[in-house]
Amino acid sequence: MSYKIIATILTDADDATEALDAAIALAGRMDAHLDIYVVTISHTETNTYFMGAEAMMIAEQTRDAMAERDKLDIWVNDRMQGEVVRWSMQAATVQGPALTSYLAQKLRFCDLIVLPRPYQDSAEAAVLVEACLFAAERPVLMIPKGCKAPDAGGHILMGWNDGAEALAAARAALPILEQADVTDICIIDPPAHAADRSDPGGAMAQYLMRHGSRAEVAVLAKTEPYVGDILLRRAREVGAQMIVSGAYGHSRLREAVFGGATRSLLETADRPILMAR
């Protein structure tokens, strides 16, 4: 099993270098086609200027965004010189409110989207990640600055809670999990009366092993406020090169206001994270 269509989105060359490199590496390893979307955004808000000024501001912002798009177009073509992967590029400038619908329409037929890690690493990436997860309904692999795509082999950690989001992430990550030496199925504070209480994670371990991935189960106590912090600590302890996790088990508003596993992972991750829902 492998990805056949991998996509990445570039809004800024400085923010997207690691994500593009990772997308190229994965596309080469999986013999996949790489779709590169260069997207610059005009953020001018309407209804906040005196009469006639809106059109002038929108036009100016759009011209600036189009100029940045053209520079990114040139940068990508220079970067891809000599690469042997099959690739194509589409460049566009969109108004901010149209970004989500644009990405949903373009990305819904890809197998995996590779992006920079949001929040600390990229100002635009948080919007891109949510558009990909919720509107395009595609899995996203996020690459922190200084990191690269997970190599074949090695150790991968999976956060597992028997939920729909975690299962979606496991399925989306299968092409990478099949190439791993071991997948660490990490279960944090499982309910005492869960259906699988006698063998927590056993069904998922069997599922992965039937797909050719050696799996181990680790049941951990919730010793920190956020599950994401525990997953990151465990990943460092076992030397995992990537974390697989379901995204937004709670509402996005609750995650944004009160925090949660998704938010804490995205804000503090020091290794790639693959999420789906």
C-alpha atoms as a PDB file:
ATOM      1  CA  MET A   1       0.000   0.000   0.000  1.00  0.00           C
ATOM      2  CA  SER A   2       1.297   3.462  -0.852  1.00  0.00           C
ATOM      3  CA  TYR A   3       0.217   7.025  -1.435  1.00  0.00           C
ATOM      4  CA  LYS A   4      -0.264   7.805  -5.115  1.00  0.00           C
ATOM      5  CA  ILE A   5      -1.070  11.526  -4.928  1.00  0.00           C
ATOM      6  CA  ILE A   6       0.736  13.716  -2.388  1.00  0.00           C
ATOM      7  CA  ALA A   7       0.035  17.445  -2.177  1.00  0.00           C
ATOM      8  CA  THR A   8       1.670  20.398  -0.497  1.00  0.00           C
ATOM      9  CA  ILE A   9       0.670  24.063  -0.218  1.00  0.00           C
ATOM     10  CA  LEU A  10       3.140  26.931  -0.322  1.00  0.00           C
ATOM     11  CA  THR A  11       2.204  30.400   0.908  1.00  0.00           C
ATOM     12  CA  ASP A  12       5.728  31.511   1.785  1.00  0.00           C
ATOM     13  CA  ALA A  13       9.086  30.065   0.751  1.00  0.00           C
ATOM     14  CA  ASP A  14      10.661  30.550   4.196  1.00  0.00           C
ATOM     15  CA  ASP A  15       7.865  28.678   5.995  1.00  0.00           C
ATOM     16  CA  ALA A  16       7.441  25.841   3.507  1.00  0.00           C
ATOM     17  CA  THR A  17      10.977  24.605   2.846  1.00  0.00           C
ATOM     18  CA  GLU A  18      10.844  21.589   5.187  1.00  0.00           C
ATOM     19  CA  ALA A  19       7.315  20.663   4.099  1.00  0.00           C
ATOM     20  CA  LEU A  20       8.228  20.761   0.419  1.00  0.00           C
ATOM     21  CA  ASP A  21      11.387  18.723   1.022  1.00  0.00           C
ATOM     22  CA  ALA A  22       9.362  16.158   2.974  1.00  0.00           C
ATOM     23  CA  ALA A  23       6.703  15.967   0.255  1.00  0.00           C
ATOM     24  CA  ILE A  24       9.385  15.398  -2.377  1.00  0.00           C
ATOM     25  CA  ALA A  25      11.029  12.667  -0.293  1.00  0.00           C
ATOM     26  CA  LEU A  26       7.737  10.849   0.333  1.00  0.00           C
ATOM     27  CA  ALA A  27       6.652  11.139  -3.296  1.00  0.00           C
ATOM     28  CA  GLY A  28       9.952   9.643  -4.414  1.00  0.00           C
ATOM     29  CA  ARG A  29       9.741   6.783  -1.902  1.00  0.00           C
ATOM     30  CA  MET A  30       6.094   5.994  -2.663  1.00  0.00           C
ATOM     31  CA  ASP A  31       6.396   6.558  -6.431  1.00  0.00           C
ATOM     32  CA  ALA A  32       3.613   9.122  -6.046  1.00  0.00           C
ATOM     33  CA  HIS A  33       2.679  12.183  -8.050  1.00  0.00           C
ATOM     34  CA  LEU A  34       3.396  15.441  -6.224  1.00  0.00           C
ATOM     35  CA  ASP A  35       0.872  18.281  -6.578  1.00  0.00           C
ATOM     36  CA  ILE A  36       2.314  21.629  -5.498  1.00  0.00           C
ATOM     37  CA  TYR A  37      -0.162  24.427  -4.834  1.00  0.00           C
ATOM     38  CA  VAL A  38       1.256  27.932  -4.634  1.00  0.00           C
ATOM     39  CA  VAL A  39      -1.411  29.999  -2.878  1.00  0.00           C
ATOM     40  CA  THR A  40      -1.077  33.614  -1.819  1.00  0.00           C
ATOM     41  CA  ILE A  41      -3.854  35.272   0.131  1.00  0.00           C
ATOM     42  CA  SER A  42      -5.274  38.769   0.059  1.00  0.00           C
ATOM     43  CA  HIS A  43      -6.439  39.491   3.609  1.00  0.00           C
ATOM     44  CA  THR A  44      -8.211  42.819   3.061  1.00  0.00           C
ATOM     45  CA  GLU A  45     -11.458  42.959   5.038  1.00  0.00           C
ATOM     46  CA  THR A  46     -14.407  44.711   3.443  1.00  0.00           C
ATOM     47  CA  ASN A  47     -16.881  47.012   5.224  1.00  0.00           C
ATOM     48  CA  THR A  48     -14.162  48.634   7.338  1.00  0.00           C
ATOM     49  CA  TYR A  49     -13.171  51.559   5.111  1.00  0.00           C
ATOM     50  CA  PHE A  50     -14.810  54.765   3.909  1.00  0.00           C
ATOM     51  CA  MET A  51     -16.745  54.660   0.643  1.00  0.00           C
ATOM     52  CA  GLY A  52     -14.490  53.908  -2.302  1.00  0.00           C
ATOM     53  CA  ALA A  53     -11.512  52.895  -0.193  1.00  0.00           C
ATOM     54  CA  GLU A  54     -12.479  49.205  -0.092  1.00  0.00           C
ATOM     55  CA  ALA A  55     -11.925  48.716  -3.810  1.00  0.00           C
ATOM     56  CA  MET A  56      -8.588  50.525  -3.653  1.00  0.00           C
ATOM     57  CA  MET A  57      -7.370  48.478  -0.678  1.00  0.00           C
ATOM     58  CA  ILE A  58      -8.514  45.181  -2.172  1.00  0.00           C
ATOM     59  CA  ALA A  59      -6.821  46.012  -5.457  1.00  0.00           C
ATOM     60  CA  GLU A  60      -3.566  46.928  -3.709  1.00  0.00           C
ATOM     61  CA  GLN A  61      -3.592  43.840  -1.499  1.00  0.00           C
ATOM     62  CA  THR A  62      -4.395  41.630  -4.483  1.00  0.00           C
ATOM     63  CA  ARG A  63      -1.548  43.099  -6.544  1.00  0.00           C
ATOM     64  CA  ASP A  64       0.885  42.447  -3.683  1.00  0.00           C
ATOM     65  CA  ALA A  65      -0.393  38.877  -3.274  1.00  0.00           C
ATOM     66  CA  MET A  66      -0.109  38.240  -7.011  1.00  0.00           C
ATOM     67  CA  ALA A  67       3.459  39.548  -7.035  1.00  0.00           C
ATOM     68  CA  GLU A  68       4.317  37.205  -4.146  1.00  0.00           C
ATOM     69  CA  ARG A  69       2.641  34.348  -6.017  1.00  0.00           C
ATOM     70  CA  ASP A  70       4.799  34.985  -9.088  1.00  0.00           C
ATOM     71  CA  LYS A  71       7.972  34.999  -6.944  1.00  0.00           C
ATOM     72  CA  LEU A  72       6.945  31.698  -5.337  1.00  0.00           C
ATOM     73  CA  ASP A  73       6.220  30.253  -8.769  1.00  0.00           C
ATOM     74  CA  ILE A  74       9.781  31.017  -9.855  1.00  0.00           C
ATOM     75  CA  TRP A  75      11.201  29.724  -6.560  1.00  0.00           C
ATOM     76  CA  VAL A  76       9.385  26.390  -6.889  1.00  0.00           C
ATOM     77  CA  ASN A  77      10.503  25.867 -10.482  1.00  0.00           C
ATOM     78  CA  ASP A  78      14.102  26.551  -9.449  1.00  0.00           C
ATOM     79  CA  ARG A  79      13.786  24.230  -6.429  1.00  0.00           C
ATOM     80  CA  MET A  80      12.355  21.374  -8.491  1.00  0.00           C
ATOM     81  CA  GLN A  81      15.126  21.460 -11.083  1.00  0.00           C
ATOM     82  CA  GLY A  82      16.757  18.032 -11.153  1.00  0.00           C
ATOM     83  CA  GLU A  83      14.104  16.284  -9.040  1.00  0.00           C
ATOM     84  CA  VAL A  84      13.059  12.950 -10.500  1.00  0.00           C
ATOM     85  CA  VAL A  85       9.582  12.773  -8.938  1.00  0.00           C
ATOM     86  CA  ARG A  86       6.539  13.377 -11.097  1.00  0.00           C
ATOM     87  CA  TRP A  87       5.157  16.769 -10.158  1.00  0.00           C
ATOM     88  CA  SER A  88       2.875  19.567 -11.237  1.00  0.00           C
ATOM     89  CA  MET A  89       2.191  23.041  -9.899  1.00  0.00           C
ATOM     90  CA  GLN A  90      -0.842  25.290  -9.746  1.00  0.00           C
ATOM     91  CA  ALA A  91      -0.549  28.906  -8.628  1.00  0.00           C
ATOM     92  CA  ALA A  92      -3.398  31.119  -7.449  1.00  0.00           C
ATOM     93  CA  THR A  93      -4.167  34.232  -5.457  1.00  0.00           C
ATOM     94  CA  VAL A  94      -7.375  34.074  -3.441  1.00  0.00           C
ATOM     95  CA  GLN A  95      -9.293  36.370  -1.121  1.00  0.00           C
ATOM     96  CA  GLY A  96      -9.138  35.201   2.499  1.00  0.00           C
ATOM     97  CA  PRO A  97     -12.802  34.113   2.802  1.00  0.00           C
ATOM     98  CA  ALA A  98     -12.477  31.984  -0.344  1.00  0.00           C
ATOM     99  CA  LEU A  99      -9.409  30.059   0.819  1.00  0.00           C
ATOM    100  CA  THR A 100     -11.206  27.140   2.463  1.00  0.00           C
ATOM    101  CA  SER A 101     -13.514  26.430  -0.468  1.00  0.00           C
ATOM    102  CA  TYR A 102     -10.600  26.753  -2.913  1.00  0.00           C
ATOM    103  CA  LEU A 103      -8.497  24.218  -1.014  1.00  0.00           C
ATOM    104  CA  ALA A 104     -11.434  21.842  -0.546  1.00  0.00           C
ATOM    105  CA  GLN A 105     -12.067  21.786  -4.272  1.00  0.00           C
ATOM    106  CA  LYS A 106      -8.404  21.303  -5.184  1.00  0.00           C
ATOM    107  CA  LEU A 107      -7.304  18.814  -2.519  1.00  0.00           C
ATOM    108  CA  ARG A 108     -10.178  16.380  -2.065  1.00  0.00           C
ATOM    109  CA  PHE A 109      -8.683  13.858  -4.503  1.00  0.00           C
ATOM    110  CA  CYS A 110      -5.193  13.614  -3.004  1.00  0.00           C
ATOM    111  CA  ASP A 111      -4.057  10.891  -0.586  1.00  0.00           C
ATOM    112  CA  LEU A 112      -1.932  12.987   1.783  1.00  0.00           C
ATOM    113  CA  ILE A 113      -1.205  16.682   2.301  1.00  0.00           C
ATOM    114  CA  VAL A 114       2.176  17.782   3.667  1.00  0.00           C
ATOM    115  CA  LEU A 115       2.304  21.163   5.423  1.00  0.00           C
ATOM    116  CA  PRO A 116       4.489  23.137   7.833  1.00  0.00           C
ATOM    117  CA  ARG A 117       3.644  22.780  11.520  1.00  0.00           C
ATOM    118  CA  PRO A 118       1.087  25.477  12.398  1.00  0.00           C
ATOM    119  CA  TYR A 119       1.181  28.168  15.080  1.00  0.00           C
ATOM    120  CA  GLN A 120       4.872  28.695  15.927  1.00  0.00           C
ATOM    121  CA  ASP A 121       6.297  27.708  12.535  1.00  0.00           C
ATOM    122  CA  SER A 122       3.865  29.332  10.095  1.00  0.00           C
ATOM    123  CA  ALA A 123       1.256  32.058  10.437  1.00  0.00           C
ATOM    124  CA  GLU A 124      -0.870  30.648   7.607  1.00  0.00           C
ATOM    125  CA  ALA A 125      -0.487  26.943   8.344  1.00  0.00           C
ATOM    126  CA  ALA A 126      -3.203  26.727  11.021  1.00  0.00           C
ATOM    127  CA  VAL A 127      -5.817  27.917   8.523  1.00  0.00           C
ATOM    128  CA  LEU A 128      -4.455  25.533   5.886  1.00  0.00           C
ATOM    129  CA  VAL A 129      -4.468  22.550   8.263  1.00  0.00           C
ATOM    130  CA  GLU A 130      -8.076  23.089   9.316  1.00  0.00           C
ATOM    131  CA  ALA A 131      -9.186  23.584   5.697  1.00  0.00           C
ATOM    132  CA  CYS A 132      -7.508  20.320   4.719  1.00  0.00           C
ATOM    133  CA  LEU A 133      -8.882  18.328   7.674  1.00  0.00           C
ATOM    134  CA  PHE A 134     -12.434  19.693   7.733  1.00  0.00           C
ATOM    135  CA  ALA A 135     -13.255  20.956   4.237  1.00  0.00           C
ATOM    136  CA  ALA A 136     -11.150  18.683   2.017  1.00  0.00           C
ATOM    137  CA  GLU A 137     -11.380  15.835   4.582  1.00  0.00           C
ATOM    138  CA  ARG A 138      -7.818  14.732   3.862  1.00  0.00           C
ATOM    139  CA  PRO A 139      -5.054  13.560   6.216  1.00  0.00           C
ATOM    140  CA  VAL A 140      -2.272  16.048   6.909  1.00  0.00           C
ATOM    141  CA  LEU A 141       1.387  15.410   7.694  1.00  0.00           C
ATOM    142  CA  MET A 142       2.859  18.434   9.490  1.00  0.00           C
ATOM    143  CA  ILE A 143       6.605  19.029   9.455  1.00  0.00           C
ATOM    144  CA  PRO A 144       8.191  21.239  12.161  1.00  0.00           C
ATOM    145  CA  LYS A 145      11.122  23.448  11.223  1.00  0.00           C
ATOM    146  CA  GLY A 146      14.365  21.487  11.191  1.00  0.00           C
ATOM    147  CA  CYS A 147      12.603  18.147  10.631  1.00  0.00           C
ATOM    148  CA  LYS A 148      12.276  15.910   7.586  1.00  0.00           C
ATOM    149  CA  ALA A 149       9.892  13.254   6.315  1.00  0.00           C
ATOM    150  CA  PRO A 150       9.872  10.004   8.318  1.00  0.00           C
ATOM    151  CA  ASP A 151      12.279   7.477   6.868  1.00  0.00           C
ATOM    152  CA  ALA A 152      11.366   3.924   5.948  1.00  0.00           C
ATOM    153  CA  GLY A 153      11.920   1.751   8.989  1.00  0.00           C
ATOM    154  CA  GLY A 154      12.368   3.241  12.423  1.00  0.00           C
ATOM    155  CA  HIS A 155       9.880   3.790  15.220  1.00  0.00           C
ATOM    156  CA  ILE A 156       6.477   5.490  14.942  1.00  0.00           C
ATOM    157  CA  LEU A 157       4.170   6.369  17.818  1.00  0.00           C
ATOM    158  CA  MET A 158       0.395   6.226  17.467  1.00  0.00           C
ATOM    159  CA  GLY A 159      -1.977   7.853  19.930  1.00  0.00           C
ATOM    160  CA  TRP A 160      -4.942   5.484  20.329  1.00  0.00           C
ATOM    161  CA  ASN A 161      -8.211   5.944  22.218  1.00  0.00           C
ATOM    162  CA  ASP A 162     -10.541   3.687  20.186  1.00  0.00           C
ATOM    163  CA  GLY A 163     -12.215   6.797  18.716  1.00  0.00           C
ATOM    164  CA  ALA A 164     -13.249   7.509  15.147  1.00  0.00           C
ATOM    165  CA  GLU A 165     -10.591  10.216  14.694  1.00  0.00           C
ATOM    166  CA  ALA A 166      -7.789   7.921  15.906  1.00  0.00           C
ATOM    167  CA  LEU A 167      -8.964   5.146  13.584  1.00  0.00           C
ATOM    168  CA  ALA A 168      -9.084   7.549  10.641  1.00  0.00           C
ATOM    169  CA  ALA A 169      -5.510   8.629  11.387  1.00  0.00           C
ATOM    170  CA  ALA A 170      -4.313   5.011  11.630  1.00  0.00           C
ATOM    171  CA  ARG A 171      -5.840   4.175   8.270  1.00  0.00           C
ATOM    172  CA  ALA A 172      -4.440   7.311   6.668  1.00  0.00           C
ATOM    173  CA  ALA A 173      -0.943   6.516   7.974  1.00  0.00           C
ATOM    174  CA  LEU A 174      -0.893   2.888   6.795  1.00  0.00           C
ATOM    175  CA  PRO A 175       1.513   3.442   3.863  1.00  0.00           C
ATOM    176  CA  ILE A 176       4.070   4.833   6.332  1.00  0.00           C
ATOM    177  CA  LEU A 177       3.253   2.386   9.149  1.00  0.00           C
ATOM    178  CA  GLU A 178       3.735  -0.574   6.807  1.00  0.00           C
ATOM    179  CA  GLN A 179       7.334   0.550   6.251  1.00  0.00           C
ATOM    180  CA  ALA A 180       8.095   1.132   9.942  1.00  0.00           C
ATOM    181  CA  ASP A 181      10.145  -1.267  12.047  1.00  0.00           C
ATOM    182  CA  VAL A 182       7.717  -0.885  14.940  1.00  0.00           C
ATOM    183  CA  THR A 183       4.561   1.087  15.723  1.00  0.00           C
ATOM    184  CA  ASP A 184       4.084   2.015  19.372  1.00  0.00           C
ATOM    185  CA  ILE A 185       0.324   2.057  20.087  1.00  0.00           C
ATOM    186  CA  CYS A 186       0.092   4.478  22.990  1.00  0.00           C
ATOM    187  CA  ILE A 187      -3.066   4.349  25.135  1.00  0.00           C
ATOM    188  CA  ILE A 188      -3.424   6.885  27.928  1.00  0.00           C
ATOM    189  CA  ASP A 189      -5.586   6.163  30.963  1.00  0.00           C
ATOM    190  CA  PRO A 190      -8.070   3.793  29.262  1.00  0.00           C
ATOM    191  CA  PRO A 191     -11.569   3.601  30.814  1.00  0.00           C
ATOM    192  CA  ALA A 192     -11.931   0.787  33.316  1.00  0.00           C
ATOM    193  CA  HIS A 193     -15.167  -0.366  31.699  1.00  0.00           C
ATOM    194  CA  ALA A 194     -14.187  -0.038  28.025  1.00  0.00           C
ATOM    195  CA  ALA A 195     -15.207  -2.790  25.638  1.00  0.00           C
ATOM    196  CA  ASP A 196     -11.557  -3.793  25.152  1.00  0.00           C
ATOM    197  CA  ARG A 197     -10.564  -3.448  28.841  1.00  0.00           C
ATOM    198  CA  SER A 198      -9.107  -6.982  28.905  1.00  0.00           C
ATOM    199  CA  ASP A 199      -6.873  -6.271  25.907  1.00  0.00           C
ATOM    200  CA  PRO A 200      -6.605  -2.506  25.279  1.00  0.00           C
ATOM    201  CA  GLY A 201      -5.254  -1.776  21.822  1.00  0.00           C
ATOM    202  CA  GLY A 202      -5.230  -5.461  20.874  1.00  0.00           C
ATOM    203  CA  ALA A 203      -7.538  -5.090  17.884  1.00  0.00           C
ATOM    204  CA  MET A 204      -5.508  -2.181  16.495  1.00  0.00           C
ATOM    205  CA  ALA A 205      -2.261  -4.105  17.001  1.00  0.00           C
ATOM    206  CA  GLN A 206      -3.704  -7.039  15.077  1.00  0.00           C
ATOM    207  CA  TYR A 207      -4.920  -4.686  12.335  1.00  0.00           C
ATOM    208  CA  LEU A 208      -1.454  -3.178  11.906  1.00  0.00           C
ATOM    209  CA  MET A 209       0.315  -6.540  12.023  1.00  0.00           C
ATOM    210  CA  ARG A 210      -1.944  -7.865   9.274  1.00  0.00           C
ATOM    211  CA  HIS A 211      -0.799  -4.887   7.230  1.00  0.00           C
ATOM    212  CA  GLY A 212       2.811  -5.868   7.797  1.00  0.00           C
ATOM    213  CA  SER A 213       3.707  -3.501  10.634  1.00  0.00           C
ATOM    214  CA  ARG A 214       5.118  -4.839  13.894  1.00  0.00           C
ATOM    215  CA  ALA A 215       3.061  -3.266  16.676  1.00  0.00           C
ATOM    216  CA  GLU A 216       3.526  -2.880  20.412  1.00  0.00           C
ATOM    217  CA  VAL A 217       1.013  -1.558  22.945  1.00  0.00           C
ATOM    218  CA  ALA A 218       1.917   0.824  25.766  1.00  0.00           C
ATOM    219  CA  VAL A 219      -0.705   1.759  28.370  1.00  0.00           C
ATOM    220  CA  LEU A 220       0.259   4.943  30.217  1.00  0.00           C
ATOM    221  CA  ALA A 221      -1.183   6.899  33.120  1.00  0.00           C
ATOM    222  CA  LYS A 222      -2.358  10.456  32.514  1.00  0.00           C
ATOM    223  CA  THR A 223       0.355  12.226  34.466  1.00  0.00           C
ATOM    224  CA  GLU A 224       0.088  15.586  32.660  1.00  0.00           C
ATOM    225  CA  PRO A 225      -2.894  17.849  31.907  1.00  0.00           C
ATOM    226  CA  TYR A 226      -2.781  17.360  28.131  1.00  0.00           C
ATOM    227  CA  VAL A 227      -2.636  14.049  26.308  1.00  0.00           C
ATOM    228  CA  GLY A 228      -0.495  15.697  23.642  1.00  0.00           C
ATOM    229  CA  ASP A 229       2.268  16.390  26.165  1.00  0.00           C
ATOM    230  CA  ILE A 230       2.286  12.728  27.222  1.00  0.00           C
ATOM    231  CA  LEU A 231       2.482  11.571  23.605  1.00  0.00           C
ATOM    232  CA  LEU A 232       5.417  13.882  22.950  1.00  0.00           C
ATOM    233  CA  ARG A 233       7.250  12.692  26.061  1.00  0.00           C
ATOM    234  CA  ARG A 234       6.695   9.071  25.079  1.00  0.00           C
ATOM    235  CA  ALA A 235       7.867   9.777  21.530  1.00  0.00           C
ATOM    236  CA  ARG A 236      11.121  11.195  22.869  1.00  0.00           C
ATOM    237  CA  GLU A 237      11.611   8.248  25.223  1.00  0.00           C
ATOM    238  CA  VAL A 238      11.259   5.606  22.486  1.00  0.00           C
ATOM    239  CA  GLY A 239      12.907   7.653  19.729  1.00  0.00           C
ATOM    240  CA  ALA A 240       9.808   7.790  17.531  1.00  0.00           C
ATOM    241  CA  GLN A 241      10.405   9.696  14.309  1.00  0.00           C
ATOM    242  CA  MET A 242       6.723  10.525  13.800  1.00  0.00           C
ATOM    243  CA  ILE A 243       3.451  10.727  15.759  1.00  0.00           C
ATOM    244  CA  VAL A 244       0.099   9.585  14.367  1.00  0.00           C
ATOM    245  CA  SER A 245      -2.963  11.083  16.033  1.00  0.00           C
ATOM    246  CA  GLY A 246      -6.634  11.721  15.482  1.00  0.00           C
ATOM    247  CA  ALA A 247      -7.464  15.419  15.147  1.00  0.00           C
ATOM    248  CA  TYR A 248      -9.986  17.469  17.091  1.00  0.00           C
ATOM    249  CA  GLY A 249     -11.806  14.874  19.133  1.00  0.00           C
ATOM    250  CA  HIS A 250     -13.479  17.896  20.752  1.00  0.00           C
ATOM    251  CA  SER A 251     -14.862  20.905  18.880  1.00  0.00           C
ATOM    252  CA  ARG A 252     -12.355  23.310  17.376  1.00  0.00           C
ATOM    253  CA  LEU A 253     -13.723  26.104  19.596  1.00  0.00           C
ATOM    254  CA  ARG A 254     -13.175  24.064  22.742  1.00  0.00           C
ATOM    255  CA  GLU A 255      -9.662  23.131  21.603  1.00  0.00           C
ATOM    256  CA  ALA A 256      -8.847  26.765  20.839  1.00  0.00           C
ATOM    257  CA  VAL A 257     -10.197  28.118  24.128  1.00  0.00           C
ATOM    258  CA  PHE A 258      -9.424  25.363  26.619  1.00  0.00           C
ATOM    259  CA  GLY A 259      -6.671  23.465  24.845  1.00  0.00           C
ATOM    260  CA  GLY A 260      -6.540  19.765  24.067  1.00  0.00           C
ATOM    261  CA  ALA A 261      -4.439  16.977  22.597  1.00  0.00           C
ATOM    262  CA  THR A 262      -4.591  18.412  19.082  1.00  0.00           C
ATOM    263  CA  ARG A 263      -3.661  21.951  20.074  1.00  0.00           C
ATOM    264  CA  SER A 264      -0.859  20.961  22.446  1.00  0.00           C
ATOM    265  CA  LEU A 265       0.644  18.598  19.870  1.00  0.00           C
ATOM    266  CA  LEU A 266       0.567  21.208  17.133  1.00  0.00           C
ATOM    267  CA  GLU A 267       2.052  23.923  19.323  1.00  0.00           C
ATOM    268  CA  THR A 268       4.949  21.965  20.824  1.00  0.00           C
ATOM    269  CA  ALA A 269       5.770  19.104  18.439  1.00  0.00           C
ATOM    270  CA  ASP A 270       9.439  18.577  17.692  1.00  0.00           C
ATOM    271  CA  ARG A 271       8.841  15.826  15.110  1.00  0.00           C
ATOM    272  CA  PRO A 272       6.384  15.224  12.230  1.00  0.00           C
ATOM    273  CA  ILE A 273       2.741  14.592  13.117  1.00  0.00           C
ATOM    274  CA  LEU A 274       0.192  12.919  10.878  1.00  0.00           C
ATOM    275  CA  MET A 275      -3.418  13.783  11.707  1.00  0.00           C
ATOM    276  CA  ALA A 276      -6.790  12.854  10.271  1.00  0.00           C
ATOM    277  CA  ARG A 277     -10.370  12.844  11.382  1.00  0.00           C
END
